[in-house]
N, C-alpha and C. Protein backbone atom coordinates (compact mmCIF):
# COMPACT_ATOMS: atom_id res chain seq x y z
N MET A 1 10.78 -10.65 -12.72
CA MET A 1 9.83 -9.55 -12.63
C MET A 1 8.65 -9.99 -11.77
N LYS A 2 8.20 -9.06 -10.91
CA LYS A 2 7.02 -9.32 -10.09
C LYS A 2 5.99 -8.24 -10.35
N LYS A 3 4.74 -8.68 -10.40
CA LYS A 3 3.63 -7.74 -10.51
C LYS A 3 2.98 -7.62 -9.14
N ILE A 4 2.71 -6.38 -8.75
CA ILE A 4 2.24 -6.08 -7.41
C ILE A 4 0.92 -5.30 -7.48
N GLY A 5 -0.03 -5.69 -6.64
CA GLY A 5 -1.25 -4.92 -6.45
C GLY A 5 -1.14 -4.17 -5.13
N ILE A 6 -1.46 -2.89 -5.14
CA ILE A 6 -1.33 -2.05 -3.94
C ILE A 6 -2.67 -1.42 -3.63
N LEU A 7 -3.08 -1.51 -2.36
CA LEU A 7 -4.31 -0.87 -1.92
C LEU A 7 -4.18 -0.46 -0.47
N SER A 8 -5.13 0.32 0.00
CA SER A 8 -5.13 0.80 1.37
C SER A 8 -6.55 1.19 1.75
N ASP A 9 -6.75 1.36 3.04
CA ASP A 9 -8.00 1.92 3.56
C ASP A 9 -9.24 1.22 3.02
N THR A 10 -9.24 -0.10 3.15
CA THR A 10 -10.42 -0.88 2.76
C THR A 10 -11.53 -0.74 3.80
N HIS A 11 -11.19 -0.50 5.04
CA HIS A 11 -12.17 -0.27 6.11
C HIS A 11 -13.25 -1.35 6.15
N GLY A 12 -12.82 -2.61 6.00
CA GLY A 12 -13.75 -3.73 6.11
C GLY A 12 -14.49 -4.08 4.84
N PHE A 13 -14.15 -3.45 3.73
CA PHE A 13 -14.86 -3.68 2.46
C PHE A 13 -13.86 -3.99 1.36
N LEU A 14 -14.11 -5.07 0.62
CA LEU A 14 -13.34 -5.35 -0.60
C LEU A 14 -14.27 -5.22 -1.78
N HIS A 15 -13.88 -4.40 -2.72
CA HIS A 15 -14.69 -4.25 -3.94
C HIS A 15 -14.81 -5.63 -4.60
N PRO A 16 -15.98 -5.96 -5.14
CA PRO A 16 -16.17 -7.28 -5.76
C PRO A 16 -15.20 -7.59 -6.90
N GLU A 17 -14.60 -6.56 -7.48
CA GLU A 17 -13.66 -6.77 -8.60
C GLU A 17 -12.20 -6.91 -8.14
N THR A 18 -11.94 -6.83 -6.84
CA THR A 18 -10.56 -6.83 -6.34
C THR A 18 -9.78 -8.06 -6.80
N GLU A 19 -10.35 -9.24 -6.65
CA GLU A 19 -9.63 -10.45 -7.06
C GLU A 19 -9.32 -10.44 -8.55
N ARG A 20 -10.27 -10.03 -9.36
CA ARG A 20 -10.04 -9.95 -10.81
C ARG A 20 -8.96 -8.92 -11.14
N ILE A 21 -9.01 -7.77 -10.48
CA ILE A 21 -8.04 -6.69 -10.74
C ILE A 21 -6.62 -7.17 -10.42
N PHE A 22 -6.48 -7.94 -9.35
CA PHE A 22 -5.16 -8.39 -8.92
C PHE A 22 -4.82 -9.81 -9.38
N GLN A 23 -5.62 -10.38 -10.26
CA GLN A 23 -5.40 -11.74 -10.73
C GLN A 23 -4.01 -11.94 -11.35
N SER A 24 -3.54 -10.96 -12.09
CA SER A 24 -2.24 -11.09 -12.75
C SER A 24 -1.07 -10.74 -11.83
N CYS A 25 -1.35 -10.32 -10.60
CA CYS A 25 -0.31 -9.91 -9.67
C CYS A 25 0.26 -11.12 -8.92
N ASP A 26 1.52 -11.00 -8.55
CA ASP A 26 2.18 -12.03 -7.75
C ASP A 26 1.94 -11.82 -6.26
N GLU A 27 1.82 -10.55 -5.86
CA GLU A 27 1.62 -10.20 -4.46
C GLU A 27 0.65 -9.04 -4.36
N ILE A 28 0.03 -8.91 -3.17
CA ILE A 28 -0.79 -7.76 -2.84
C ILE A 28 -0.17 -7.09 -1.62
N TRP A 29 -0.04 -5.76 -1.69
CA TRP A 29 0.48 -4.99 -0.57
C TRP A 29 -0.63 -4.06 -0.09
N HIS A 30 -0.94 -4.14 1.20
CA HIS A 30 -2.01 -3.33 1.79
C HIS A 30 -1.38 -2.36 2.79
N ALA A 31 -1.61 -1.06 2.58
CA ALA A 31 -0.98 -0.02 3.40
C ALA A 31 -1.84 0.40 4.59
N GLY A 32 -2.55 -0.54 5.18
CA GLY A 32 -3.21 -0.30 6.44
C GLY A 32 -4.66 0.13 6.38
N ASP A 33 -5.31 0.03 7.54
CA ASP A 33 -6.75 0.19 7.71
C ASP A 33 -7.50 -0.89 6.92
N PHE A 34 -7.12 -2.14 7.20
CA PHE A 34 -7.85 -3.29 6.65
C PHE A 34 -9.31 -3.19 7.09
N GLY A 35 -9.49 -2.94 8.38
CA GLY A 35 -10.84 -2.77 8.92
C GLY A 35 -11.51 -4.03 9.40
N SER A 36 -11.05 -5.18 8.95
CA SER A 36 -11.64 -6.44 9.42
C SER A 36 -10.72 -7.61 9.11
N ILE A 37 -10.89 -8.65 9.92
CA ILE A 37 -10.15 -9.89 9.71
C ILE A 37 -10.58 -10.52 8.39
N GLU A 38 -11.84 -10.35 8.03
CA GLU A 38 -12.37 -10.95 6.79
C GLU A 38 -11.64 -10.41 5.56
N VAL A 39 -11.32 -9.12 5.56
CA VAL A 39 -10.58 -8.54 4.43
C VAL A 39 -9.20 -9.17 4.34
N VAL A 40 -8.53 -9.31 5.47
CA VAL A 40 -7.20 -9.95 5.49
C VAL A 40 -7.30 -11.37 4.93
N LYS A 41 -8.23 -12.15 5.45
CA LYS A 41 -8.35 -13.55 5.03
C LYS A 41 -8.72 -13.68 3.56
N GLU A 42 -9.59 -12.81 3.08
CA GLU A 42 -9.97 -12.88 1.67
C GLU A 42 -8.79 -12.56 0.76
N LEU A 43 -8.03 -11.53 1.10
CA LEU A 43 -6.84 -11.20 0.30
C LEU A 43 -5.82 -12.33 0.35
N GLN A 44 -5.61 -12.91 1.53
CA GLN A 44 -4.66 -14.02 1.67
C GLN A 44 -5.12 -15.26 0.92
N SER A 45 -6.41 -15.38 0.68
CA SER A 45 -6.93 -16.59 0.02
C SER A 45 -6.57 -16.64 -1.46
N PHE A 46 -6.23 -15.50 -2.06
CA PHE A 46 -5.90 -15.57 -3.48
C PHE A 46 -4.52 -15.06 -3.85
N LYS A 47 -3.80 -14.40 -2.94
CA LYS A 47 -2.44 -13.94 -3.25
C LYS A 47 -1.61 -13.85 -1.97
N LEU A 48 -0.29 -13.82 -2.14
CA LEU A 48 0.61 -13.52 -1.03
C LEU A 48 0.32 -12.09 -0.60
N LEU A 49 0.11 -11.88 0.68
CA LEU A 49 -0.26 -10.56 1.20
C LEU A 49 0.83 -10.03 2.13
N ARG A 50 1.25 -8.81 1.85
CA ARG A 50 2.13 -8.07 2.75
C ARG A 50 1.33 -6.85 3.19
N GLY A 51 1.55 -6.39 4.41
CA GLY A 51 0.80 -5.22 4.84
C GLY A 51 1.31 -4.65 6.14
N VAL A 52 0.71 -3.55 6.51
CA VAL A 52 0.95 -2.89 7.78
C VAL A 52 -0.41 -2.58 8.39
N TYR A 53 -0.44 -2.47 9.70
CA TYR A 53 -1.72 -2.12 10.30
C TYR A 53 -1.94 -0.61 10.24
N GLY A 54 -3.21 -0.23 10.27
CA GLY A 54 -3.57 1.18 10.28
C GLY A 54 -4.20 1.59 11.59
N ASN A 55 -4.53 2.85 11.70
CA ASN A 55 -5.04 3.38 12.96
C ASN A 55 -6.40 2.82 13.36
N ILE A 56 -7.19 2.27 12.43
CA ILE A 56 -8.49 1.70 12.82
C ILE A 56 -8.42 0.20 13.07
N ASP A 57 -7.28 -0.42 12.81
CA ASP A 57 -7.17 -1.87 12.90
C ASP A 57 -7.06 -2.34 14.35
N GLY A 58 -7.78 -3.42 14.66
CA GLY A 58 -7.83 -3.96 16.00
C GLY A 58 -6.66 -4.87 16.34
N ALA A 59 -6.76 -5.48 17.51
CA ALA A 59 -5.67 -6.28 18.08
C ALA A 59 -5.23 -7.43 17.18
N TRP A 60 -6.18 -8.17 16.58
CA TRP A 60 -5.79 -9.32 15.77
C TRP A 60 -4.94 -8.88 14.58
N ILE A 61 -5.35 -7.83 13.91
CA ILE A 61 -4.59 -7.34 12.75
C ILE A 61 -3.24 -6.80 13.21
N ARG A 62 -3.19 -6.14 14.36
CA ARG A 62 -1.93 -5.61 14.88
C ARG A 62 -0.98 -6.73 15.30
N GLU A 63 -1.51 -7.89 15.62
CA GLU A 63 -0.66 -9.05 15.92
C GLU A 63 -0.09 -9.67 14.64
N GLU A 64 -0.84 -9.58 13.57
CA GLU A 64 -0.44 -10.16 12.28
C GLU A 64 0.51 -9.27 11.48
N PHE A 65 0.36 -7.96 11.62
CA PHE A 65 1.12 -7.00 10.80
C PHE A 65 1.82 -5.99 11.70
N LYS A 66 2.92 -5.44 11.20
CA LYS A 66 3.67 -4.42 11.92
C LYS A 66 3.15 -3.03 11.56
N GLU A 67 3.58 -2.04 12.33
CA GLU A 67 3.25 -0.65 12.02
C GLU A 67 4.07 -0.16 10.82
N LEU A 68 5.32 -0.60 10.76
CA LEU A 68 6.25 -0.21 9.71
C LEU A 68 6.87 -1.47 9.15
N GLU A 69 6.86 -1.62 7.85
CA GLU A 69 7.42 -2.82 7.22
C GLU A 69 8.46 -2.39 6.19
N THR A 70 9.58 -3.08 6.21
CA THR A 70 10.59 -2.88 5.18
C THR A 70 10.98 -4.24 4.63
N PHE A 71 11.09 -4.33 3.32
CA PHE A 71 11.41 -5.60 2.67
C PHE A 71 11.96 -5.31 1.28
N SER A 72 12.47 -6.35 0.66
CA SER A 72 12.97 -6.22 -0.71
C SER A 72 12.05 -6.97 -1.66
N CYS A 73 11.85 -6.39 -2.80
CA CYS A 73 11.14 -7.03 -3.90
C CYS A 73 12.02 -6.87 -5.12
N GLU A 74 12.47 -8.00 -5.65
CA GLU A 74 13.50 -7.95 -6.68
C GLU A 74 14.68 -7.17 -6.09
N ASP A 75 15.13 -6.09 -6.75
CA ASP A 75 16.24 -5.29 -6.24
C ASP A 75 15.78 -3.95 -5.68
N VAL A 76 14.54 -3.87 -5.26
CA VAL A 76 13.95 -2.64 -4.75
C VAL A 76 13.67 -2.79 -3.25
N THR A 77 14.22 -1.88 -2.45
CA THR A 77 13.89 -1.83 -1.03
C THR A 77 12.59 -1.04 -0.88
N VAL A 78 11.64 -1.64 -0.18
CA VAL A 78 10.31 -1.06 -0.01
C VAL A 78 10.10 -0.73 1.47
N LEU A 79 9.53 0.43 1.72
CA LEU A 79 9.19 0.85 3.07
C LEU A 79 7.70 1.18 3.06
N MET A 80 6.95 0.58 4.01
CA MET A 80 5.51 0.79 4.03
C MET A 80 5.05 1.11 5.45
N LYS A 81 4.18 2.13 5.56
CA LYS A 81 3.60 2.53 6.84
C LYS A 81 2.26 3.20 6.53
N HIS A 82 1.27 2.97 7.38
CA HIS A 82 -0.05 3.55 7.12
C HIS A 82 -0.01 5.07 7.19
N ILE A 83 0.38 5.61 8.33
CA ILE A 83 0.47 7.05 8.48
C ILE A 83 1.93 7.45 8.38
N GLY A 84 2.35 7.82 7.18
CA GLY A 84 3.74 8.14 6.94
C GLY A 84 3.97 9.52 6.37
N GLY A 85 2.90 10.17 5.94
CA GLY A 85 3.06 11.48 5.32
C GLY A 85 3.37 11.35 3.85
N TYR A 86 4.02 12.38 3.32
CA TYR A 86 4.33 12.41 1.89
C TYR A 86 5.54 13.31 1.68
N PRO A 87 6.14 13.30 0.50
CA PRO A 87 7.36 14.09 0.27
C PRO A 87 7.23 15.53 0.76
N GLY A 88 8.22 15.92 1.55
CA GLY A 88 8.24 17.25 2.13
C GLY A 88 7.52 17.34 3.46
N LYS A 89 6.69 16.34 3.79
CA LYS A 89 5.91 16.35 5.04
C LYS A 89 5.79 14.94 5.61
N TYR A 90 6.93 14.25 5.75
CA TYR A 90 6.90 12.91 6.33
C TYR A 90 6.69 12.97 7.83
N GLU A 91 5.96 12.00 8.34
CA GLU A 91 5.80 11.81 9.78
C GLU A 91 7.19 11.50 10.34
N LYS A 92 7.46 11.91 11.57
CA LYS A 92 8.80 11.84 12.16
C LYS A 92 9.45 10.46 12.08
N SER A 93 8.73 9.41 12.51
CA SER A 93 9.33 8.06 12.49
C SER A 93 9.51 7.55 11.05
N MET A 94 8.66 8.01 10.15
CA MET A 94 8.80 7.61 8.74
C MET A 94 10.05 8.25 8.14
N LYS A 95 10.28 9.51 8.45
CA LYS A 95 11.49 10.18 7.95
C LYS A 95 12.74 9.47 8.47
N ALA A 96 12.73 9.08 9.74
CA ALA A 96 13.87 8.36 10.31
C ALA A 96 14.07 7.02 9.60
N ALA A 97 12.97 6.33 9.31
CA ALA A 97 13.07 5.04 8.61
C ALA A 97 13.59 5.23 7.18
N ILE A 98 13.16 6.28 6.52
CA ILE A 98 13.66 6.58 5.17
C ILE A 98 15.16 6.83 5.22
N LEU A 99 15.61 7.60 6.18
CA LEU A 99 17.05 7.88 6.31
C LEU A 99 17.83 6.60 6.62
N HIS A 100 17.26 5.73 7.44
CA HIS A 100 17.95 4.49 7.83
C HIS A 100 17.98 3.45 6.71
N HIS A 101 16.86 3.26 5.99
CA HIS A 101 16.75 2.17 5.02
C HIS A 101 17.03 2.58 3.57
N SER A 102 17.00 3.86 3.26
CA SER A 102 17.18 4.36 1.89
C SER A 102 16.34 3.58 0.88
N PRO A 103 15.03 3.53 1.07
CA PRO A 103 14.19 2.74 0.15
C PRO A 103 14.11 3.37 -1.24
N LYS A 104 13.78 2.55 -2.20
CA LYS A 104 13.53 3.03 -3.55
C LYS A 104 12.03 3.24 -3.77
N LEU A 105 11.21 2.61 -2.90
CA LEU A 105 9.76 2.72 -2.99
C LEU A 105 9.19 2.90 -1.58
N VAL A 106 8.38 3.94 -1.39
CA VAL A 106 7.72 4.21 -0.12
C VAL A 106 6.21 4.17 -0.37
N ILE A 107 5.50 3.42 0.47
CA ILE A 107 4.05 3.28 0.32
C ILE A 107 3.39 3.67 1.64
N CYS A 108 2.43 4.57 1.55
CA CYS A 108 1.66 5.02 2.71
C CYS A 108 0.18 5.01 2.34
N GLY A 109 -0.66 5.01 3.35
CA GLY A 109 -2.10 5.11 3.16
C GLY A 109 -2.63 6.29 3.95
N HIS A 110 -3.78 6.11 4.57
CA HIS A 110 -4.40 7.00 5.54
C HIS A 110 -5.14 8.20 4.95
N SER A 111 -4.59 8.90 4.00
CA SER A 111 -5.19 10.16 3.53
C SER A 111 -6.42 9.96 2.66
N HIS A 112 -6.59 8.76 2.10
CA HIS A 112 -7.66 8.46 1.15
C HIS A 112 -7.47 9.24 -0.16
N ILE A 113 -6.28 9.81 -0.35
CA ILE A 113 -5.99 10.59 -1.55
C ILE A 113 -4.94 9.86 -2.37
N LEU A 114 -5.31 9.48 -3.58
CA LEU A 114 -4.36 8.84 -4.49
C LEU A 114 -3.24 9.81 -4.82
N LYS A 115 -2.00 9.36 -4.61
CA LYS A 115 -0.86 10.23 -4.88
C LYS A 115 0.34 9.37 -5.28
N VAL A 116 0.93 9.70 -6.42
CA VAL A 116 2.17 9.06 -6.86
C VAL A 116 3.14 10.19 -7.17
N VAL A 117 4.22 10.27 -6.39
CA VAL A 117 5.16 11.38 -6.50
C VAL A 117 6.57 10.84 -6.39
N TYR A 118 7.47 11.33 -7.24
CA TYR A 118 8.87 10.99 -7.07
C TYR A 118 9.49 11.99 -6.10
N ASP A 119 10.06 11.49 -5.02
CA ASP A 119 10.70 12.34 -4.03
C ASP A 119 12.16 12.53 -4.42
N LYS A 120 12.47 13.68 -4.99
CA LYS A 120 13.84 13.98 -5.47
C LYS A 120 14.82 14.11 -4.31
N HIS A 121 14.33 14.58 -3.17
CA HIS A 121 15.22 14.78 -2.02
C HIS A 121 15.76 13.45 -1.49
N PHE A 122 14.87 12.44 -1.38
CA PHE A 122 15.29 11.14 -0.85
C PHE A 122 15.44 10.08 -1.93
N ASN A 123 15.21 10.45 -3.17
CA ASN A 123 15.46 9.56 -4.31
C ASN A 123 14.64 8.27 -4.25
N HIS A 124 13.32 8.42 -4.09
CA HIS A 124 12.45 7.25 -4.14
C HIS A 124 11.08 7.63 -4.72
N LEU A 125 10.35 6.60 -5.12
CA LEU A 125 8.98 6.79 -5.58
C LEU A 125 8.07 6.66 -4.37
N HIS A 126 7.19 7.61 -4.20
CA HIS A 126 6.22 7.61 -3.09
C HIS A 126 4.84 7.31 -3.67
N ILE A 127 4.18 6.28 -3.11
CA ILE A 127 2.84 5.91 -3.58
C ILE A 127 1.88 5.89 -2.41
N ASN A 128 0.77 6.59 -2.57
CA ASN A 128 -0.39 6.41 -1.70
C ASN A 128 -1.49 5.94 -2.64
N PRO A 129 -1.97 4.70 -2.46
CA PRO A 129 -2.95 4.17 -3.41
C PRO A 129 -4.36 4.72 -3.25
N GLY A 130 -4.54 5.69 -2.35
CA GLY A 130 -5.88 6.22 -2.11
C GLY A 130 -6.66 5.26 -1.23
N ALA A 131 -7.97 5.20 -1.41
CA ALA A 131 -8.81 4.35 -0.57
C ALA A 131 -9.56 3.34 -1.42
N ALA A 132 -9.48 2.07 -1.01
CA ALA A 132 -10.17 1.00 -1.74
C ALA A 132 -11.49 0.61 -1.08
N GLY A 133 -11.82 1.25 0.02
CA GLY A 133 -13.07 0.97 0.71
C GLY A 133 -14.15 1.98 0.37
N ARG A 134 -15.30 1.78 0.99
CA ARG A 134 -16.41 2.71 0.69
C ARG A 134 -16.64 3.72 1.80
N TYR A 135 -15.87 3.65 2.89
CA TYR A 135 -16.05 4.60 3.98
C TYR A 135 -14.99 5.68 3.92
N GLY A 136 -15.42 6.93 4.07
CA GLY A 136 -14.52 8.07 4.03
C GLY A 136 -15.03 9.10 3.05
N PHE A 137 -14.30 10.19 2.94
CA PHE A 137 -14.74 11.31 2.11
C PHE A 137 -14.45 11.14 0.62
N HIS A 138 -13.64 10.16 0.25
CA HIS A 138 -13.28 9.97 -1.15
C HIS A 138 -14.53 9.60 -1.97
N THR A 139 -14.50 9.96 -3.25
CA THR A 139 -15.64 9.65 -4.12
C THR A 139 -15.32 8.52 -5.10
N THR A 140 -14.05 8.17 -5.17
CA THR A 140 -13.61 7.13 -6.09
C THR A 140 -12.79 6.09 -5.33
N ILE A 141 -13.09 4.83 -5.56
CA ILE A 141 -12.30 3.72 -5.01
C ILE A 141 -11.10 3.54 -5.93
N THR A 142 -9.90 3.50 -5.35
CA THR A 142 -8.69 3.39 -6.17
C THR A 142 -7.79 2.27 -5.67
N MET A 143 -7.11 1.64 -6.63
CA MET A 143 -6.10 0.61 -6.38
C MET A 143 -5.01 0.83 -7.43
N ILE A 144 -3.84 0.29 -7.17
CA ILE A 144 -2.70 0.46 -8.08
C ILE A 144 -2.09 -0.89 -8.40
N ARG A 145 -1.64 -1.03 -9.64
CA ARG A 145 -0.82 -2.17 -10.04
C ARG A 145 0.51 -1.63 -10.55
N ILE A 146 1.60 -2.31 -10.17
CA ILE A 146 2.93 -1.96 -10.67
C ILE A 146 3.67 -3.24 -11.01
N ALA A 147 4.75 -3.07 -11.73
CA ALA A 147 5.69 -4.17 -11.98
C ALA A 147 7.04 -3.74 -11.43
N ILE A 148 7.72 -4.68 -10.81
CA ILE A 148 9.09 -4.45 -10.35
C ILE A 148 9.97 -5.45 -11.06
N ASP A 149 10.88 -4.92 -11.84
CA ASP A 149 11.77 -5.74 -12.67
C ASP A 149 13.20 -5.38 -12.31
N GLY A 150 13.83 -6.22 -11.51
CA GLY A 150 15.17 -5.89 -11.02
C GLY A 150 15.08 -4.66 -10.14
N SER A 151 15.73 -3.58 -10.56
CA SER A 151 15.69 -2.34 -9.79
C SER A 151 14.71 -1.33 -10.39
N GLN A 152 13.97 -1.72 -11.41
CA GLN A 152 13.02 -0.81 -12.06
C GLN A 152 11.60 -0.99 -11.54
N ILE A 153 10.95 0.12 -11.28
CA ILE A 153 9.53 0.15 -10.94
C ILE A 153 8.84 0.69 -12.19
N LYS A 154 7.95 -0.10 -12.77
CA LYS A 154 7.39 0.32 -14.06
C LYS A 154 5.94 -0.14 -14.21
N ASP A 155 5.36 0.26 -15.32
CA ASP A 155 4.00 -0.16 -15.71
C ASP A 155 2.97 0.15 -14.64
N LEU A 156 3.05 1.32 -14.03
CA LEU A 156 2.09 1.70 -13.00
C LEU A 156 0.72 1.94 -13.63
N GLU A 157 -0.29 1.32 -13.05
CA GLU A 157 -1.68 1.48 -13.50
C GLU A 157 -2.55 1.84 -12.31
N VAL A 158 -3.43 2.79 -12.50
CA VAL A 158 -4.42 3.14 -11.48
C VAL A 158 -5.75 2.53 -11.92
N VAL A 159 -6.39 1.83 -10.99
CA VAL A 159 -7.71 1.24 -11.25
C VAL A 159 -8.70 2.02 -10.40
N GLU A 160 -9.78 2.49 -11.02
CA GLU A 160 -10.76 3.33 -10.33
C GLU A 160 -12.16 2.74 -10.47
N PHE A 161 -12.93 2.89 -9.40
CA PHE A 161 -14.34 2.54 -9.40
C PHE A 161 -15.11 3.66 -8.71
N THR A 162 -16.30 3.93 -9.18
CA THR A 162 -17.16 4.87 -8.48
C THR A 162 -17.57 4.28 -7.15
N LYS A 163 -17.54 5.07 -6.11
CA LYS A 163 -17.86 4.59 -4.76
C LYS A 163 -19.35 4.35 -4.64
């Protein structure tokens, strides 16, 4: 079993509680718009970090991370992209990747809107962790913790802070 911390849209800011929130996690997954090299380095300093670059991320981050990432965690195929859309309204390349990889878990960022939806059409869980930074229209900073045990995605927790 692996415990995963998921966040997105930090825009150069890490909440002071981030390390404590993800202390029990084995990995951190960032769905883009890191916003700074410092955010990347700080996350890497305390956990294994997987991520994708977002539309505001500069050259260094784009060299370190891909636009679209697919990988396995336990027995779950994961597909992650910053601007990917959501069930019923996937961005074109994201829909193609979903059809090609048949993931069990899809993670997107960009909207700053926390959303967890099961996509019945493509048979996967779709997660947008909302925004963990302080820039944008959102009023609440959000992060997610999940557990992946074999092929099961379970124990989903939303962590919220006032912006």
